[in-house]
Amino acid sequence: MKTLSLKLPDEVDARISAIAKRQQSSKSEVVRNALDAYLVQETTPLKGSVLELAGDLVGSLEGPADLSHHDEHMRGYGE
């Protein structure tokens, strides 16, 4: 296992310490787990259509349903 040294702001160190105490683990283990979760997220391609990925946003706004293609709503846009 490799060793990595880094500088952390006091607030971040305190948060890591609190998590380690709550989980009854070491700060190193907390940081390893957090880095692993981040790296998995960053290297996993998104799956699904745009609709599936933004599905919770669909219907969350109010307004005319034909906003994107109705000439009346586009009048003056881009002028």
PDB file of N, CA and C in Angstrom:
ATOM      1  N   MET A   1       0.858  -1.170   0.000  1.00  0.00           N
ATOM      2  CA  MET A   1       0.000   0.000   0.000  1.00  0.00           C
ATOM      3  C   MET A   1       0.905   1.234   0.000  1.00  0.00           C
ATOM      4  N   LYS A   2       0.553   2.204  -0.834  1.00  0.00           N
ATOM      5  CA  LYS A   2       1.308   3.451  -0.942  1.00  0.00           C
ATOM      6  C   LYS A   2       0.877   4.428   0.149  1.00  0.00           C
ATOM      7  N   THR A   3       1.766   5.344   0.479  1.00  0.00           N
ATOM      8  CA  THR A   3       1.467   6.400   1.431  1.00  0.00           C
ATOM      9  C   THR A   3       1.408   7.723   0.685  1.00  0.00           C
ATOM     10  N   LEU A   4       0.395   8.510   1.000  1.00  0.00           N
ATOM     11  CA  LEU A   4       0.217   9.825   0.391  1.00  0.00           C
ATOM     12  C   LEU A   4       0.073  10.841   1.509  1.00  0.00           C
ATOM     13  N   SER A   5       0.857  11.878   1.448  1.00  0.00           N
ATOM     14  CA  SER A   5       0.763  12.957   2.440  1.00  0.00           C
ATOM     15  C   SER A   5       0.097  14.152   1.783  1.00  0.00           C
ATOM     16  N   LEU A   6      -0.800  14.785   2.513  1.00  0.00           N
ATOM     17  CA  LEU A   6      -1.445  15.981   1.998  1.00  0.00           C
ATOM     18  C   LEU A   6      -1.819  16.899   3.141  1.00  0.00           C
ATOM     19  N   LYS A   7      -2.013  18.159   2.791  1.00  0.00           N
ATOM     20  CA  LYS A   7      -2.411  19.159   3.778  1.00  0.00           C
ATOM     21  C   LYS A   7      -3.906  19.373   3.667  1.00  0.00           C
ATOM     22  N   LEU A   8      -4.563  19.401   4.828  1.00  0.00           N
ATOM     23  CA  LEU A   8      -6.006  19.598   4.884  1.00  0.00           C
ATOM     24  C   LEU A   8      -6.325  20.823   5.729  1.00  0.00           C
ATOM     25  N   PRO A   9      -7.347  21.555   5.342  1.00  0.00           N
ATOM     26  CA  PRO A   9      -7.812  22.625   6.231  1.00  0.00           C
ATOM     27  C   PRO A   9      -8.309  22.012   7.548  1.00  0.00           C
ATOM     28  N   ASP A  10      -8.201  22.765   8.618  1.00  0.00           N
ATOM     29  CA  ASP A  10      -8.613  22.271   9.936  1.00  0.00           C
ATOM     30  C   ASP A  10     -10.056  21.767   9.926  1.00  0.00           C
ATOM     31  N   GLU A  11     -10.929  22.480   9.210  1.00  0.00           N
ATOM     32  CA  GLU A  11     -12.344  22.090   9.172  1.00  0.00           C
ATOM     33  C   GLU A  11     -12.531  20.713   8.537  1.00  0.00           C
ATOM     34  N   VAL A  12     -11.802  20.447   7.460  1.00  0.00           N
ATOM     35  CA  VAL A  12     -11.912  19.141   6.786  1.00  0.00           C
ATOM     36  C   VAL A  12     -11.382  18.039   7.698  1.00  0.00           C
ATOM     37  N   ASP A  13     -10.260  18.306   8.345  1.00  0.00           N
ATOM     38  CA  ASP A  13      -9.705  17.322   9.276  1.00  0.00           C
ATOM     39  C   ASP A  13     -10.687  17.020  10.402  1.00  0.00           C
ATOM     40  N   ALA A  14     -11.332  18.049  10.917  1.00  0.00           N
ATOM     41  CA  ALA A  14     -12.307  17.850  12.000  1.00  0.00           C
ATOM     42  C   ALA A  14     -13.484  17.000  11.525  1.00  0.00           C
ATOM     43  N   ARG A  15     -13.941  17.246  10.300  1.00  0.00           N
ATOM     44  CA  ARG A  15     -15.062  16.467   9.764  1.00  0.00           C
ATOM     45  C   ARG A  15     -14.662  15.008   9.570  1.00  0.00           C
ATOM     46  N   ILE A  16     -13.444  14.785   9.059  1.00  0.00           N
ATOM     47  CA  ILE A  16     -12.955  13.416   8.873  1.00  0.00           C
ATOM     48  C   ILE A  16     -12.820  12.723  10.224  1.00  0.00           C
ATOM     49  N   SER A  17     -12.295  13.438  11.197  1.00  0.00           N
ATOM     50  CA  SER A  17     -12.145  12.873  12.544  1.00  0.00           C
ATOM     51  C   SER A  17     -13.496  12.481  13.139  1.00  0.00           C
ATOM     52  N   ALA A  18     -14.494  13.328  12.951  1.00  0.00           N
ATOM     53  CA  ALA A  18     -15.826  13.036  13.488  1.00  0.00           C
ATOM     54  C   ALA A  18     -16.420  11.797  12.831  1.00  0.00           C
ATOM     55  N   ILE A  19     -16.247  11.665  11.535  1.00  0.00           N
ATOM     56  CA  ILE A  19     -16.764  10.489  10.828  1.00  0.00           C
ATOM     57  C   ILE A  19     -16.031   9.235  11.301  1.00  0.00           C
ATOM     58  N   ALA A  20     -14.710   9.325  11.427  1.00  0.00           N
ATOM     59  CA  ALA A  20     -13.924   8.177  11.882  1.00  0.00           C
ATOM     60  C   ALA A  20     -14.364   7.740  13.278  1.00  0.00           C
ATOM     61  N   LYS A  21     -14.601   8.700  14.147  1.00  0.00           N
ATOM     62  CA  LYS A  21     -15.041   8.369  15.517  1.00  0.00           C
ATOM     63  C   LYS A  21     -16.413   7.696  15.479  1.00  0.00           C
ATOM     64  N   ARG A  22     -17.335   8.269  14.669  1.00  0.00           N
ATOM     65  CA  ARG A  22     -18.684   7.705  14.579  1.00  0.00           C
ATOM     66  C   ARG A  22     -18.665   6.286  14.011  1.00  0.00           C
ATOM     67  N   GLN A  23     -17.783   6.043  13.031  1.00  0.00           N
ATOM     68  CA  GLN A  23     -17.705   4.726  12.386  1.00  0.00           C
ATOM     69  C   GLN A  23     -16.749   3.785  13.115  1.00  0.00           C
ATOM     70  N   GLN A  24     -16.102   4.279  14.144  1.00  0.00           N
ATOM     71  CA  GLN A  24     -15.099   3.528  14.882  1.00  0.00           C
ATOM     72  C   GLN A  24     -14.032   2.979  13.930  1.00  0.00           C
ATOM     73  N   SER A  25     -13.509   3.881  13.105  1.00  0.00           N
ATOM     74  CA  SER A  25     -12.450   3.527  12.164  1.00  0.00           C
ATOM     75  C   SER A  25     -11.391   4.617  12.195  1.00  0.00           C
ATOM     76  N   SER A  26     -10.372   4.449  11.374  1.00  0.00           N
ATOM     77  CA  SER A  26      -9.302   5.441  11.327  1.00  0.00           C
ATOM     78  C   SER A  26      -9.625   6.528  10.308  1.00  0.00           C
ATOM     79  N   LYS A  27      -8.956   7.663  10.458  1.00  0.00           N
ATOM     80  CA  LYS A  27      -9.120   8.733   9.476  1.00  0.00           C
ATOM     81  C   LYS A  27      -8.645   8.264   8.103  1.00  0.00           C
ATOM     82  N   SER A  28      -7.598   7.461   8.075  1.00  0.00           N
ATOM     83  CA  SER A  28      -7.095   6.937   6.798  1.00  0.00           C
ATOM     84  C   SER A  28      -8.153   6.104   6.085  1.00  0.00           C
ATOM     85  N   GLU A  29      -8.867   5.298   6.847  1.00  0.00           N
ATOM     86  CA  GLU A  29      -9.913   4.472   6.237  1.00  0.00           C
ATOM     87  C   GLU A  29     -11.053   5.334   5.699  1.00  0.00           C
ATOM     88  N   VAL A  30     -11.425   6.357   6.432  1.00  0.00           N
ATOM     89  CA  VAL A  30     -12.479   7.267   5.974  1.00  0.00           C
ATOM     90  C   VAL A  30     -12.064   7.936   4.667  1.00  0.00           C
ATOM     91  N   VAL A  31     -10.837   8.419   4.603  1.00  0.00           N
ATOM     92  CA  VAL A  31     -10.354   9.094   3.394  1.00  0.00           C
ATOM     93  C   VAL A  31     -10.248   8.108   2.241  1.00  0.00           C
ATOM     94  N   ARG A  32      -9.740   6.888   2.486  1.00  0.00           N
ATOM     95  CA  ARG A  32      -9.668   5.878   1.421  1.00  0.00           C
ATOM     96  C   ARG A  32     -11.049   5.578   0.863  1.00  0.00           C
ATOM     97  N   ASN A  33     -12.030   5.403   1.730  1.00  0.00           N
ATOM     98  CA  ASN A  33     -13.390   5.105   1.279  1.00  0.00           C
ATOM     99  C   ASN A  33     -13.978   6.265   0.476  1.00  0.00           C
ATOM    100  N   ALA A  34     -13.738   7.479   0.929  1.00  0.00           N
ATOM    101  CA  ALA A  34     -14.249   8.656   0.221  1.00  0.00           C
ATOM    102  C   ALA A  34     -13.592   8.782  -1.151  1.00  0.00           C
ATOM    103  N   LEU A  35     -12.288   8.579  -1.221  1.00  0.00           N
ATOM    104  CA  LEU A  35     -11.592   8.644  -2.506  1.00  0.00           C
ATOM    105  C   LEU A  35     -12.060   7.542  -3.451  1.00  0.00           C
ATOM    106  N   ASP A  36     -12.242   6.356  -2.913  1.00  0.00           N
ATOM    107  CA  ASP A  36     -12.712   5.244  -3.741  1.00  0.00           C
ATOM    108  C   ASP A  36     -14.094   5.543  -4.318  1.00  0.00           C
ATOM    109  N   ALA A  37     -15.004   6.059  -3.488  1.00  0.00           N
ATOM    110  CA  ALA A  37     -16.351   6.395  -3.959  1.00  0.00           C
ATOM    111  C   ALA A  37     -16.282   7.481  -5.031  1.00  0.00           C
ATOM    112  N   TYR A  38     -15.439   8.468  -4.835  1.00  0.00           N
ATOM    113  CA  TYR A  38     -15.285   9.548  -5.814  1.00  0.00           C
ATOM    114  C   TYR A  38     -14.739   9.001  -7.128  1.00  0.00           C
ATOM    115  N   LEU A  39     -13.732   8.163  -7.052  1.00  0.00           N
ATOM    116  CA  LEU A  39     -13.121   7.626  -8.273  1.00  0.00           C
ATOM    117  C   LEU A  39     -14.076   6.720  -9.032  1.00  0.00           C
ATOM    118  N   VAL A  40     -14.876   5.953  -8.332  1.00  0.00           N
ATOM    119  CA  VAL A  40     -15.879   5.119  -9.001  1.00  0.00           C
ATOM    120  C   VAL A  40     -16.879   6.012  -9.729  1.00  0.00           C
ATOM    121  N   GLN A  41     -17.328   7.056  -9.069  1.00  0.00           N
ATOM    122  CA  GLN A  41     -18.295   7.980  -9.672  1.00  0.00           C
ATOM    123  C   GLN A  41     -17.701   8.662 -10.899  1.00  0.00           C
ATOM    124  N   GLU A  42     -16.467   9.095 -10.811  1.00  0.00           N
ATOM    125  CA  GLU A  42     -15.823   9.824 -11.902  1.00  0.00           C
ATOM    126  C   GLU A  42     -15.462   8.946 -13.088  1.00  0.00           C
ATOM    127  N   THR A  43     -15.308   7.652 -12.879  1.00  0.00           N
ATOM    128  CA  THR A  43     -14.893   6.773 -13.967  1.00  0.00           C
ATOM    129  C   THR A  43     -16.022   5.893 -14.484  1.00  0.00           C
ATOM    130  N   THR A  44     -17.212   6.036 -13.915  1.00  0.00           N
ATOM    131  CA  THR A  44     -18.356   5.257 -14.374  1.00  0.00           C
ATOM    132  C   THR A  44     -19.146   6.090 -15.371  1.00  0.00           C
ATOM    133  N   PRO A  45     -19.243   5.613 -16.617  1.00  0.00           N
ATOM    134  CA  PRO A  45     -20.009   6.386 -17.600  1.00  0.00           C
ATOM    135  C   PRO A  45     -21.485   6.445 -17.221  1.00  0.00           C
ATOM    136  N   LEU A  46     -22.105   7.567 -17.553  1.00  0.00           N
ATOM    137  CA  LEU A  46     -23.534   7.715 -17.305  1.00  0.00           C
ATOM    138  C   LEU A  46     -24.297   6.738 -18.182  1.00  0.00           C
ATOM    139  N   LYS A  47     -25.310   6.148 -17.629  1.00  0.00           N
ATOM    140  CA  LYS A  47     -26.125   5.202 -18.377  1.00  0.00           C
ATOM    141  C   LYS A  47     -27.543   5.711 -18.445  1.00  0.00           C
ATOM    142  N   GLY A  48     -28.138   5.544 -19.592  1.00  0.00           N
ATOM    143  CA  GLY A  48     -29.527   5.941 -19.756  1.00  0.00           C
ATOM    144  C   GLY A  48     -29.645   7.144 -20.677  1.00  0.00           C
ATOM    145  N   SER A  49     -30.850   7.390 -21.064  1.00  0.00           N
ATOM    146  CA  SER A  49     -31.133   8.524 -21.941  1.00  0.00           C
ATOM    147  C   SER A  49     -31.139   9.808 -21.118  1.00  0.00           C
ATOM    148  N   VAL A  50     -31.139  10.923 -21.814  1.00  0.00           N
ATOM    149  CA  VAL A  50     -31.225  12.212 -21.140  1.00  0.00           C
ATOM    150  C   VAL A  50     -32.509  12.270 -20.321  1.00  0.00           C
ATOM    151  N   LEU A  51     -33.588  11.749 -20.868  1.00  0.00           N
ATOM    152  CA  LEU A  51     -34.857  11.741 -20.142  1.00  0.00           C
ATOM    153  C   LEU A  51     -34.735  10.934 -18.851  1.00  0.00           C
ATOM    154  N   GLU A  52     -34.082   9.782 -18.908  1.00  0.00           N
ATOM    155  CA  GLU A  52     -33.921   8.966 -17.705  1.00  0.00           C
ATOM    156  C   GLU A  52     -33.031   9.666 -16.672  1.00  0.00           C
ATOM    157  N   LEU A  53     -31.961  10.312 -17.149  1.00  0.00           N
ATOM    158  CA  LEU A  53     -31.040  10.983 -16.234  1.00  0.00           C
ATOM    159  C   LEU A  53     -31.657  12.227 -15.601  1.00  0.00           C
ATOM    160  N   ALA A  54     -32.543  12.897 -16.321  1.00  0.00           N
ATOM    161  CA  ALA A  54     -33.172  14.115 -15.807  1.00  0.00           C
ATOM    162  C   ALA A  54     -34.647  13.883 -15.493  1.00  0.00           C
ATOM    163  N   GLY A  55     -35.031  12.645 -15.352  1.00  0.00           N
ATOM    164  CA  GLY A  55     -36.438  12.299 -15.151  1.00  0.00           C
ATOM    165  C   GLY A  55     -37.089  12.986 -13.977  1.00  0.00           C
ATOM    166  N   ASP A  56     -36.327  13.219 -12.907  1.00  0.00           N
ATOM    167  CA  ASP A  56     -36.920  13.873 -11.741  1.00  0.00           C
ATOM    168  C   ASP A  56     -37.190  15.351 -11.987  1.00  0.00           C
ATOM    169  N   LEU A  57     -36.624  15.897 -13.063  1.00  0.00           N
ATOM    170  CA  LEU A  57     -36.850  17.308 -13.384  1.00  0.00           C
ATOM    171  C   LEU A  57     -38.035  17.512 -14.321  1.00  0.00           C
ATOM    172  N   VAL A  58     -38.414  16.460 -15.034  1.00  0.00           N
ATOM    173  CA  VAL A  58     -39.501  16.566 -16.011  1.00  0.00           C
ATOM    174  C   VAL A  58     -40.791  16.948 -15.286  1.00  0.00           C
ATOM    175  N   GLY A  59     -41.404  17.997 -15.769  1.00  0.00           N
ATOM    176  CA  GLY A  59     -42.664  18.441 -15.188  1.00  0.00           C
ATOM    177  C   GLY A  59     -42.517  19.277 -13.939  1.00  0.00           C
ATOM    178  N   SER A  60     -41.298  19.651 -13.592  1.00  0.00           N
ATOM    179  CA  SER A  60     -41.100  20.420 -12.355  1.00  0.00           C
ATOM    180  C   SER A  60     -41.278  21.920 -12.550  1.00  0.00           C
ATOM    181  N   LEU A  61     -41.415  22.356 -13.794  1.00  0.00           N
ATOM    182  CA  LEU A  61     -41.613  23.780 -14.078  1.00  0.00           C
ATOM    183  C   LEU A  61     -42.984  24.009 -14.682  1.00  0.00           C
ATOM    184  N   GLU A  62     -43.509  25.189 -14.468  1.00  0.00           N
ATOM    185  CA  GLU A  62     -44.794  25.534 -15.053  1.00  0.00           C
ATOM    186  C   GLU A  62     -44.580  26.444 -16.250  1.00  0.00           C
ATOM    187  N   GLY A  63     -45.438  26.343 -17.215  1.00  0.00           N
ATOM    188  CA  GLY A  63     -45.361  27.188 -18.394  1.00  0.00           C
ATOM    189  C   GLY A  63     -46.024  26.487 -19.558  1.00  0.00           C
ATOM    190  N   PRO A  64     -46.014  27.137 -20.718  1.00  0.00           N
ATOM    191  CA  PRO A  64     -46.657  26.532 -21.881  1.00  0.00           C
ATOM    192  C   PRO A  64     -45.930  25.259 -22.308  1.00  0.00           C
ATOM    193  N   ALA A  65     -46.688  24.239 -22.661  1.00  0.00           N
ATOM    194  CA  ALA A  65     -46.109  22.956 -23.050  1.00  0.00           C
ATOM    195  C   ALA A  65     -45.396  23.027 -24.388  1.00  0.00           C
ATOM    196  N   ASP A  66     -45.766  23.979 -25.235  1.00  0.00           N
ATOM    197  CA  ASP A  66     -45.208  24.062 -26.583  1.00  0.00           C
ATOM    198  C   ASP A  66     -44.144  25.152 -26.703  1.00  0.00           C
ATOM    199  N   LEU A  67     -43.460  25.456 -25.631  1.00  0.00           N
ATOM    200  CA  LEU A  67     -42.522  26.573 -25.579  1.00  0.00           C
ATOM    201  C   LEU A  67     -41.410  26.463 -26.623  1.00  0.00           C
ATOM    202  N   SER A  68     -40.918  25.289 -26.894  1.00  0.00           N
ATOM    203  CA  SER A  68     -39.746  25.166 -27.752  1.00  0.00           C
ATOM    204  C   SER A  68     -40.039  25.269 -29.237  1.00  0.00           C
ATOM    205  N   HIS A  69     -41.271  25.139 -29.643  1.00  0.00           N
ATOM    206  CA  HIS A  69     -41.535  25.121 -31.083  1.00  0.00           C
ATOM    207  C   HIS A  69     -42.686  26.009 -31.535  1.00  0.00           C
ATOM    208  N   HIS A  70     -43.329  26.702 -30.648  1.00  0.00           N
ATOM    209  CA  HIS A  70     -44.463  27.541 -31.021  1.00  0.00           C
ATOM    210  C   HIS A  70     -43.957  28.945 -31.339  1.00  0.00           C
ATOM    211  N   ASP A  71     -44.250  29.434 -32.547  1.00  0.00           N
ATOM    212  CA  ASP A  71     -43.757  30.736 -33.006  1.00  0.00           C
ATOM    213  C   ASP A  71     -44.117  31.880 -32.067  1.00  0.00           C
ATOM    214  N   GLU A  72     -45.292  31.821 -31.471  1.00  0.00           N
ATOM    215  CA  GLU A  72     -45.733  32.895 -30.583  1.00  0.00           C
ATOM    216  C   GLU A  72     -44.759  33.080 -29.418  1.00  0.00           C
ATOM    217  N   HIS A  73     -44.249  31.967 -28.878  1.00  0.00           N
ATOM    218  CA  HIS A  73     -43.344  32.029 -27.732  1.00  0.00           C
ATOM    219  C   HIS A  73     -41.925  32.411 -28.146  1.00  0.00           C
ATOM    220  N   MET A  74     -41.587  32.220 -29.421  1.00  0.00           N
ATOM    221  CA  MET A  74     -40.242  32.498 -29.904  1.00  0.00           C
ATOM    222  C   MET A  74     -40.111  33.919 -30.462  1.00  0.00           C
ATOM    223  N   ARG A  75     -41.206  34.647 -30.586  1.00  0.00           N
ATOM    224  CA  ARG A  75     -41.171  35.998 -31.128  1.00  0.00           C
ATOM    225  C   ARG A  75     -40.269  36.889 -30.281  1.00  0.00           C
ATOM    226  N   GLY A  76     -39.309  37.546 -30.936  1.00  0.00           N
ATOM    227  CA  GLY A  76     -38.404  38.442 -30.235  1.00  0.00           C
ATOM    228  C   GLY A  76     -37.183  37.772 -29.660  1.00  0.00           C
ATOM    229  N   TYR A  77     -37.139  36.450 -29.662  1.00  0.00           N
ATOM    230  CA  TYR A  77     -36.005  35.744 -29.110  1.00  0.00           C
ATOM    231  C   TYR A  77     -34.787  35.933 -30.005  1.00  0.00           C
ATOM    232  N   GLY A  78     -33.665  36.300 -29.447  1.00  0.00           N
ATOM    233  CA  GLY A  78     -32.427  36.447 -30.193  1.00  0.00           C
ATOM    234  C   GLY A  78     -32.260  37.803 -30.869  1.00  0.00           C
ATOM    235  N   GLU A  79     -33.176  38.698 -30.667  1.00  0.00           N
ATOM    236  CA  GLU A  79     -33.055  40.018 -31.308  1.00  0.00           C
ATOM    237  C   GLU A  79     -32.215  40.948 -30.485  1.00  0.00           C
TER     238      GLU A  79
END
